[in-house]
Amino acid sequence: MFLTYYEEMEGIGEIHNIIKIKENTALIRRTGALSMRQPLAENRTLNGTYHAPYGIMETEATARKISASWNEKQQEGIIHLIYEMKMQGQHAGRFDLTYRFAASLKGARL
């Protein structure tokens, strides 16, 4: 399952986000005004990168939950990610992200 969306960050610019889910793994990719590539796997620590205006930082993330579902009849889905992240070896936070989405009239790529 792929979820793609754009966001505008004030003072930074536009960011294109892609979340790819496959079984108990996920990949978060952000490109544009800032870049990030963070693979996730439940109960495993995986390395990634975060590109900021001041340089590239190494990341580590351990996923506690990765789930995704798609309701074909209603053309709606949900992705839920819970993970803990370190940047440059320092605790950056615990993230609990829930994405609710629906297929567009132009068609969904799920």
Protein backbone atom coordinates (compact mmCIF):
# COMPACT_ATOMS: atom_id res chain seq x y z
CA MET A 1 0.00 0.00 0.00
CA PHE A 2 1.29 3.45 -0.91
CA LEU A 3 0.04 6.74 0.45
CA THR A 4 1.33 9.94 -1.17
CA TYR A 5 0.54 13.50 -0.18
CA TYR A 6 2.00 17.01 -0.24
CA GLU A 7 2.34 19.41 2.64
CA GLU A 8 3.44 23.03 2.86
CA MET A 9 5.70 23.87 5.80
CA GLU A 10 5.71 27.55 6.63
CA GLY A 11 9.09 29.09 6.02
CA ILE A 12 10.47 25.88 4.48
CA GLY A 13 8.38 25.05 1.42
CA GLU A 14 6.57 22.11 -0.13
CA ILE A 15 7.32 18.53 0.92
CA HIS A 16 6.21 15.41 -0.96
CA ASN A 17 5.53 12.48 1.39
CA ILE A 18 5.33 8.80 0.53
CA ILE A 19 4.47 6.07 3.00
CA LYS A 20 4.86 2.51 1.76
CA ILE A 21 3.47 -0.37 3.82
CA LYS A 22 4.21 -4.03 3.18
CA GLU A 23 3.30 -6.62 5.81
CA ASN A 24 5.03 -5.54 9.06
CA THR A 25 7.36 -3.02 7.41
CA ALA A 26 7.03 0.58 6.31
CA LEU A 27 9.09 3.20 4.54
CA ILE A 28 8.63 6.93 5.11
CA ARG A 29 10.11 9.11 2.34
CA ARG A 30 9.99 12.88 2.24
CA THR A 31 11.41 14.94 -0.61
CA GLY A 32 11.37 18.58 -1.54
CA ALA A 33 12.14 21.38 0.92
CA LEU A 34 13.51 18.71 3.26
CA SER A 35 14.29 15.05 2.73
CA MET A 36 13.98 11.99 4.91
CA ARG A 37 14.23 8.28 4.34
CA GLN A 38 13.26 6.11 7.29
CA PRO A 39 12.56 2.40 6.98
CA LEU A 40 10.53 0.82 9.80
CA ALA A 41 10.05 -2.77 10.93
CA GLU A 42 8.16 -3.88 14.02
CA ASN A 43 10.47 -4.40 17.01
CA ARG A 44 13.62 -3.82 14.95
CA THR A 45 15.90 -0.79 14.87
CA LEU A 46 16.64 0.45 11.36
CA ASN A 47 18.89 3.28 10.15
CA GLY A 48 17.73 6.18 8.01
CA THR A 49 18.67 9.73 7.06
CA TYR A 50 17.22 13.19 7.53
CA HIS A 51 18.43 16.00 5.24
CA ALA A 52 17.96 19.41 6.78
CA PRO A 53 19.18 22.84 5.63
CA TYR A 54 22.15 22.51 8.01
CA GLY A 55 23.26 19.05 6.86
CA ILE A 56 22.52 15.33 6.85
CA MET A 57 21.69 13.59 10.11
CA GLU A 58 21.70 9.85 10.75
CA THR A 59 18.50 8.45 12.24
CA GLU A 60 17.49 5.22 13.95
CA ALA A 61 13.90 4.14 14.44
CA THR A 62 12.28 1.24 16.23
CA ALA A 63 8.67 0.60 15.24
CA ARG A 64 6.26 -0.56 17.92
CA LYS A 65 3.25 -0.82 15.59
CA ILE A 66 2.74 -0.84 11.83
CA SER A 67 -0.78 -1.42 10.55
CA ALA A 68 -2.72 -0.59 7.42
CA SER A 69 -6.15 -1.43 6.10
CA TRP A 70 -8.20 -0.59 3.02
CA ASN A 71 -11.98 -0.80 2.72
CA GLU A 72 -12.61 -1.50 -0.96
CA LYS A 73 -16.35 -0.82 -0.75
CA GLN A 74 -15.99 2.59 0.91
CA GLN A 75 -12.70 3.41 -0.84
CA GLU A 76 -11.17 4.43 2.50
CA GLY A 77 -8.05 3.39 4.34
CA ILE A 78 -6.07 3.89 7.51
CA ILE A 79 -2.38 3.62 8.32
CA HIS A 80 -1.17 3.61 11.91
CA LEU A 81 2.53 3.89 12.81
CA ILE A 82 4.08 4.06 16.26
CA TYR A 83 7.86 4.39 16.46
CA GLU A 84 10.67 5.81 18.53
CA MET A 85 13.41 7.77 16.79
CA LYS A 86 16.94 8.86 17.49
CA MET A 87 18.80 11.52 15.50
CA GLN A 88 22.58 11.52 15.66
CA GLY A 89 22.26 9.04 18.57
CA GLN A 90 20.02 11.34 20.64
CA HIS A 91 16.39 10.53 21.50
CA ALA A 92 14.19 12.61 19.15
CA GLY A 93 10.80 11.38 20.30
CA ARG A 94 8.04 8.81 20.15
CA PHE A 95 5.77 9.25 17.16
CA ASP A 96 2.19 7.99 16.99
CA LEU A 97 0.87 8.74 13.50
CA THR A 98 -2.57 7.89 12.15
CA TYR A 99 -3.42 8.59 8.51
CA ARG A 100 -7.04 8.32 7.36
CA PHE A 101 -7.53 8.67 3.63
CA ALA A 102 -9.97 8.09 0.79
CA ALA A 103 -9.44 7.41 -2.89
CA SER A 104 -9.65 10.47 -5.09
CA LEU A 105 -12.03 10.69 -8.00
CA LYS A 106 -8.97 10.51 -10.26
CA GLY A 107 -8.19 7.05 -8.90
CA ALA A 108 -6.06 5.76 -6.10
CA ARG A 109 -2.77 3.95 -6.33
CA LEU A 110 -3.04 1.53 -3.44
